[in-house]
Protein backbone atom coordinates (compact mmCIF):
# COMPACT_ATOMS: atom_id res chain seq x y z
CA MET A 1 -34.76 -18.75 -89.93
CA ALA A 2 -32.59 -21.79 -89.31
CA VAL A 3 -28.81 -21.45 -89.52
CA THR A 4 -26.77 -24.29 -90.98
CA PHE A 5 -23.21 -25.11 -89.91
CA SER A 6 -21.18 -27.64 -91.86
CA ASP A 7 -17.73 -29.20 -91.79
CA LEU A 8 -17.14 -28.22 -88.16
CA TYR A 9 -14.25 -30.66 -88.11
CA THR A 10 -12.36 -28.38 -90.53
CA GLU A 11 -10.76 -24.99 -90.01
CA SER A 12 -13.06 -23.39 -92.59
CA GLY A 13 -16.12 -24.82 -90.86
CA LEU A 14 -14.93 -23.51 -87.49
CA LYS A 15 -14.20 -20.12 -89.08
CA SER A 16 -17.82 -19.87 -90.26
CA LEU A 17 -18.95 -20.70 -86.70
CA ASP A 18 -16.53 -18.08 -85.38
CA ASP A 19 -17.99 -15.44 -87.69
CA TYR A 20 -21.51 -16.36 -86.64
CA LEU A 21 -20.61 -16.06 -82.94
CA SER A 22 -19.12 -12.58 -83.33
CA GLY A 23 -20.85 -10.46 -80.70
CA LYS A 24 -22.78 -13.48 -79.37
CA THR A 25 -22.33 -15.72 -76.34
CA TYR A 26 -24.67 -18.52 -77.44
CA ILE A 27 -25.96 -19.96 -80.71
CA SER A 28 -29.57 -18.94 -80.08
CA GLY A 29 -30.66 -16.15 -77.75
CA ASP A 30 -28.97 -15.04 -74.57
CA GLN A 31 -28.81 -18.38 -72.73
CA LEU A 32 -27.61 -21.92 -73.29
CA THR A 33 -30.05 -24.03 -75.35
CA LYS A 34 -30.09 -27.40 -77.05
CA ASP A 35 -28.80 -25.63 -80.18
CA ASP A 36 -25.51 -25.05 -78.35
CA VAL A 37 -25.35 -28.68 -77.23
CA LYS A 38 -26.08 -29.87 -80.78
CA VAL A 39 -23.35 -27.73 -82.33
CA TYR A 40 -20.93 -28.50 -79.49
CA ALA A 41 -21.33 -32.23 -80.20
CA ALA A 42 -20.26 -31.66 -83.81
CA VAL A 43 -17.04 -29.84 -82.87
CA LEU A 44 -14.35 -32.49 -82.37
CA GLU A 45 -12.07 -30.40 -80.18
CA LYS A 46 -11.71 -26.91 -78.76
CA PRO A 47 -11.04 -24.29 -81.49
CA GLY A 48 -7.61 -22.66 -81.34
CA GLU A 49 -6.74 -19.09 -80.40
CA SER A 50 -6.99 -18.05 -84.04
CA ILE A 51 -10.74 -18.68 -83.77
CA PRO A 52 -11.48 -16.64 -80.60
CA ASN A 53 -15.28 -16.38 -80.69
CA ALA A 54 -15.80 -20.11 -81.20
CA SER A 55 -13.11 -20.89 -78.61
CA LYS A 56 -14.79 -18.70 -75.97
CA TRP A 57 -18.20 -20.20 -76.77
CA TYR A 58 -16.72 -23.74 -76.51
CA ASP A 59 -15.39 -22.96 -73.01
CA VAL A 60 -18.78 -21.63 -71.86
CA VAL A 61 -20.64 -24.74 -73.05
CA SER A 62 -17.96 -27.01 -71.56
CA SER A 63 -18.31 -25.37 -68.14
CA HIS A 64 -22.10 -25.89 -68.15
CA LEU A 65 -21.75 -29.53 -69.18
CA ALA A 66 -19.06 -30.16 -66.56
CA ALA A 67 -21.38 -28.88 -63.84
CA SER A 68 -24.10 -31.28 -65.00
CA PHE A 69 -21.78 -34.30 -65.08
CA PRO A 70 -19.63 -34.25 -61.90
CA GLY A 71 -17.72 -37.48 -62.68
CA LYS A 72 -14.01 -37.11 -63.34
CA ALA A 73 -13.14 -37.19 -67.06
CA GLN A 74 -10.48 -39.64 -68.23
CA GLY A 75 -10.07 -38.03 -71.66
CA VAL A 76 -11.33 -39.34 -75.00
CA ARG A 77 -10.90 -38.47 -78.67
CA ILE A 78 -13.40 -38.87 -81.49
CA SER A 79 -12.21 -39.47 -85.03
CA GLY A 80 -14.02 -39.41 -88.36
CA LYS A 81 -16.13 -36.82 -90.12
CA CYS A 82 -19.27 -35.28 -88.73
CA ALA A 83 -22.45 -34.64 -90.63
CA PRO A 84 -23.51 -31.00 -91.12
CA VAL A 85 -25.31 -29.60 -88.09
CA GLU A 86 -28.30 -27.34 -88.42
CA ALA A 87 -29.05 -24.83 -85.69
CA ALA A 88 -32.59 -23.58 -85.27
CA PRO A 89 -33.89 -20.53 -83.37
CA ALA A 90 -34.58 -21.04 -79.67
CA ALA A 91 -37.96 -22.64 -79.02
CA SER A 92 -40.69 -20.58 -77.42
CA ALA A 93 -42.00 -21.33 -73.95
CA LYS A 94 -45.11 -22.87 -75.52
CA ASP A 95 -43.03 -25.15 -77.76
CA ALA A 96 -40.85 -26.19 -74.82
CA ALA A 97 -43.87 -27.20 -72.79
CA ALA A 98 -45.04 -29.41 -75.65
CA GLU A 99 -41.76 -31.33 -75.89
CA ASP A 100 -41.62 -34.99 -74.98
CA ASP A 101 -41.35 -35.59 -71.23
CA ASP A 102 -38.39 -37.90 -71.82
CA ASP A 103 -36.14 -35.06 -73.04
CA LEU A 104 -33.05 -34.60 -70.87
CA ASP A 105 -32.90 -31.18 -69.22
CA LEU A 106 -29.24 -30.71 -68.37
CA PHE A 107 -29.61 -27.21 -67.04
CA GLY A 108 -32.99 -27.16 -65.32
CA ASP A 109 -33.42 -26.04 -61.72
CA GLU A 110 -33.11 -28.76 -59.09
CA THR A 111 -36.55 -29.84 -57.86
CA GLU A 112 -37.53 -31.08 -54.42
CA GLU A 113 -37.75 -34.59 -55.89
CA ASP A 114 -34.17 -34.26 -57.18
CA LYS A 115 -32.92 -33.11 -53.78
CA LYS A 116 -34.71 -35.97 -52.02
CA ALA A 117 -33.30 -38.53 -54.48
CA ALA A 118 -29.79 -37.13 -53.96
CA GLU A 119 -30.18 -37.35 -50.17
CA GLU A 120 -31.38 -40.95 -50.43
CA ARG A 121 -28.40 -41.89 -52.62
CA GLU A 122 -26.02 -40.28 -50.11
CA ALA A 123 -27.67 -42.13 -47.21
CA ALA A 124 -27.38 -45.42 -49.11
CA LYS A 125 -23.68 -44.77 -49.73
CA LYS A 126 -23.08 -44.11 -46.03
CA ALA A 127 -24.98 -47.24 -45.04
CA SER A 128 -22.98 -49.29 -47.53
CA SER A 129 -19.74 -47.80 -46.20
CA LYS A 130 -20.68 -48.68 -42.62
CA LYS A 131 -21.44 -52.25 -43.65
CA LYS A 132 -18.04 -52.60 -45.28
CA GLU A 133 -16.41 -51.30 -42.11
CA SER A 134 -18.32 -53.73 -39.85
CA GLY A 135 -16.40 -54.57 -36.66
CA LYS A 136 -15.66 -57.84 -34.92
CA SER A 137 -16.19 -59.08 -31.39
CA SER A 138 -14.52 -61.67 -29.17
CA VAL A 139 -16.86 -63.78 -27.05
CA LEU A 140 -16.28 -66.26 -24.20
CA LEU A 141 -19.07 -68.81 -23.94
CA ASP A 142 -19.94 -71.27 -21.17
CA VAL A 143 -21.52 -74.46 -22.56
CA LYS A 144 -23.07 -76.67 -19.87
CA PRO A 145 -23.83 -80.41 -20.23
CA TRP A 146 -26.86 -82.23 -18.87
CA ASP A 147 -24.95 -84.22 -16.24
CA ASP A 148 -21.66 -85.85 -15.35
CA GLU A 149 -22.29 -88.67 -17.82
CA THR A 150 -22.36 -86.35 -20.86
CA ASP A 151 -19.51 -87.06 -23.27
CA MET A 152 -17.69 -83.70 -23.20
CA LYS A 153 -15.57 -84.58 -26.22
CA LYS A 154 -18.73 -85.17 -28.25
CA LEU A 155 -20.20 -81.96 -26.82
CA GLU A 156 -17.23 -79.91 -28.04
CA GLU A 157 -17.30 -81.58 -31.45
CA THR A 158 -20.99 -80.69 -31.72
CA VAL A 159 -20.29 -77.06 -30.84
CA ARG A 160 -17.46 -76.74 -33.35
CA SER A 161 -19.53 -78.41 -36.07
CA ILE A 162 -21.66 -75.27 -36.32
CA GLU A 163 -20.43 -73.23 -39.28
CA ILE A 164 -21.81 -69.75 -40.02
CA PRO A 165 -20.28 -67.03 -42.24
CA GLY A 166 -18.52 -64.61 -39.88
CA LEU A 167 -18.08 -67.17 -37.05
CA LEU A 168 -14.70 -68.53 -36.00
CA TRP A 169 -14.28 -70.93 -33.07
CA GLY A 170 -11.16 -70.49 -30.93
CA ALA A 171 -9.45 -72.01 -27.89
CA SER A 172 -11.40 -74.01 -25.32
CA LYS A 173 -11.03 -75.75 -21.97
CA LEU A 174 -13.08 -77.77 -19.47
CA ALA A 175 -13.87 -76.09 -16.16
CA PRO A 176 -15.39 -77.79 -13.08
CA VAL A 177 -18.94 -76.88 -12.10
CA GLY A 178 -19.50 -79.22 -9.13
CA TYR A 179 -20.63 -82.75 -8.35
CA GLY A 180 -18.19 -84.09 -10.94
CA ILE A 181 -19.78 -82.03 -13.71
CA LYS A 182 -17.60 -79.94 -16.03
CA LYS A 183 -18.57 -77.23 -18.48
CA LEU A 184 -16.94 -76.25 -21.76
CA GLN A 185 -15.52 -72.73 -21.94
CA ILE A 186 -14.87 -71.77 -25.56
CA MET A 187 -13.74 -68.61 -27.31
CA LEU A 188 -15.30 -67.43 -30.57
CA THR A 189 -14.78 -64.46 -32.85
CA ILE A 190 -17.71 -63.02 -34.80
CA VAL A 191 -18.30 -60.41 -37.48
CA ASP A 192 -20.91 -58.22 -35.81
CA ASP A 193 -23.12 -57.68 -38.88
CA LEU A 194 -23.18 -61.39 -39.75
CA VAL A 195 -23.52 -63.24 -36.44
CA SER A 196 -25.76 -62.72 -33.42
CA VAL A 197 -24.56 -64.67 -30.37
CA ASP A 198 -28.09 -64.79 -28.93
CA THR A 199 -29.40 -66.29 -32.16
CA LEU A 200 -26.48 -68.72 -32.24
CA ILE A 201 -27.42 -69.97 -28.76
CA GLU A 202 -31.20 -70.03 -29.19
CA GLU A 203 -31.41 -71.42 -32.73
CA ARG A 204 -28.33 -73.62 -33.02
CA LEU A 205 -26.66 -74.62 -29.75
CA THR A 206 -29.73 -75.41 -27.60
CA VAL A 207 -31.89 -77.15 -30.20
CA GLU A 208 -31.60 -80.50 -31.98
CA PRO A 209 -29.17 -82.09 -32.56
CA CYS A 210 -26.92 -80.05 -30.22
CA ASN A 211 -29.29 -80.32 -27.24
CA GLU A 212 -28.50 -84.01 -26.99
CA TYR A 213 -25.34 -82.89 -25.17
CA ILE A 214 -25.95 -79.23 -24.29
CA GLN A 215 -28.28 -78.16 -21.51
CA SER A 216 -27.62 -74.39 -21.65
CA CYS A 217 -25.18 -71.69 -22.76
CA ASP A 218 -24.14 -68.42 -21.15
CA ILE A 219 -22.17 -65.46 -22.45
CA VAL A 220 -19.32 -64.91 -19.98
CA ALA A 221 -17.54 -62.08 -21.80
CA PHE A 222 -18.24 -59.99 -24.92
CA ASN A 223 -15.60 -57.57 -26.18
CA LYS A 224 -15.34 -55.47 -29.35
CA ILE A 225 -12.12 -56.05 -31.25
């Protein structure tokens, strides 16, 4: 037979709940059920010491719910009156199996699928953290012209015109190669996860329009910052 609780926002309502819970740990049966969650939702705040049975029951339900929702509580209050709450006897195993698959089981055993999903979320968090902590590198690049008639000023302007997120061009100088030819030595700083120096050379510096001035590029030094 169903049990009806009403006015659980009042002292008299909580007293009737307290009387019902005398000698009991849960609303229905000897384990936590949806009846407990339903009644718990109608109680606005923890009953005082003058209502010991309901207070103890409230703590037990709170501890189960806290374990199911690990996020840190900030604290909220709910005002207004609650509608009467009706508690029914615990459902049989047959009835439980017939329930809608969308019902939320707060206290069910963790399945292999749950464990795998949790592991995947943890791995994703670690990967995200590593990306945020991506390092930088300092690179010294040799940029060689086609011949001694190449306009080295134009060559450097062409190099510095390349803009990529995570790429910062630095100091530069001209160094002799031989036969009147000079090469451009230029520093650059890169964010490792955003810029590949090999790709920069192969897909930007040694193709049109840069290859009008640049014959080849070599990495002279590569250091993690």
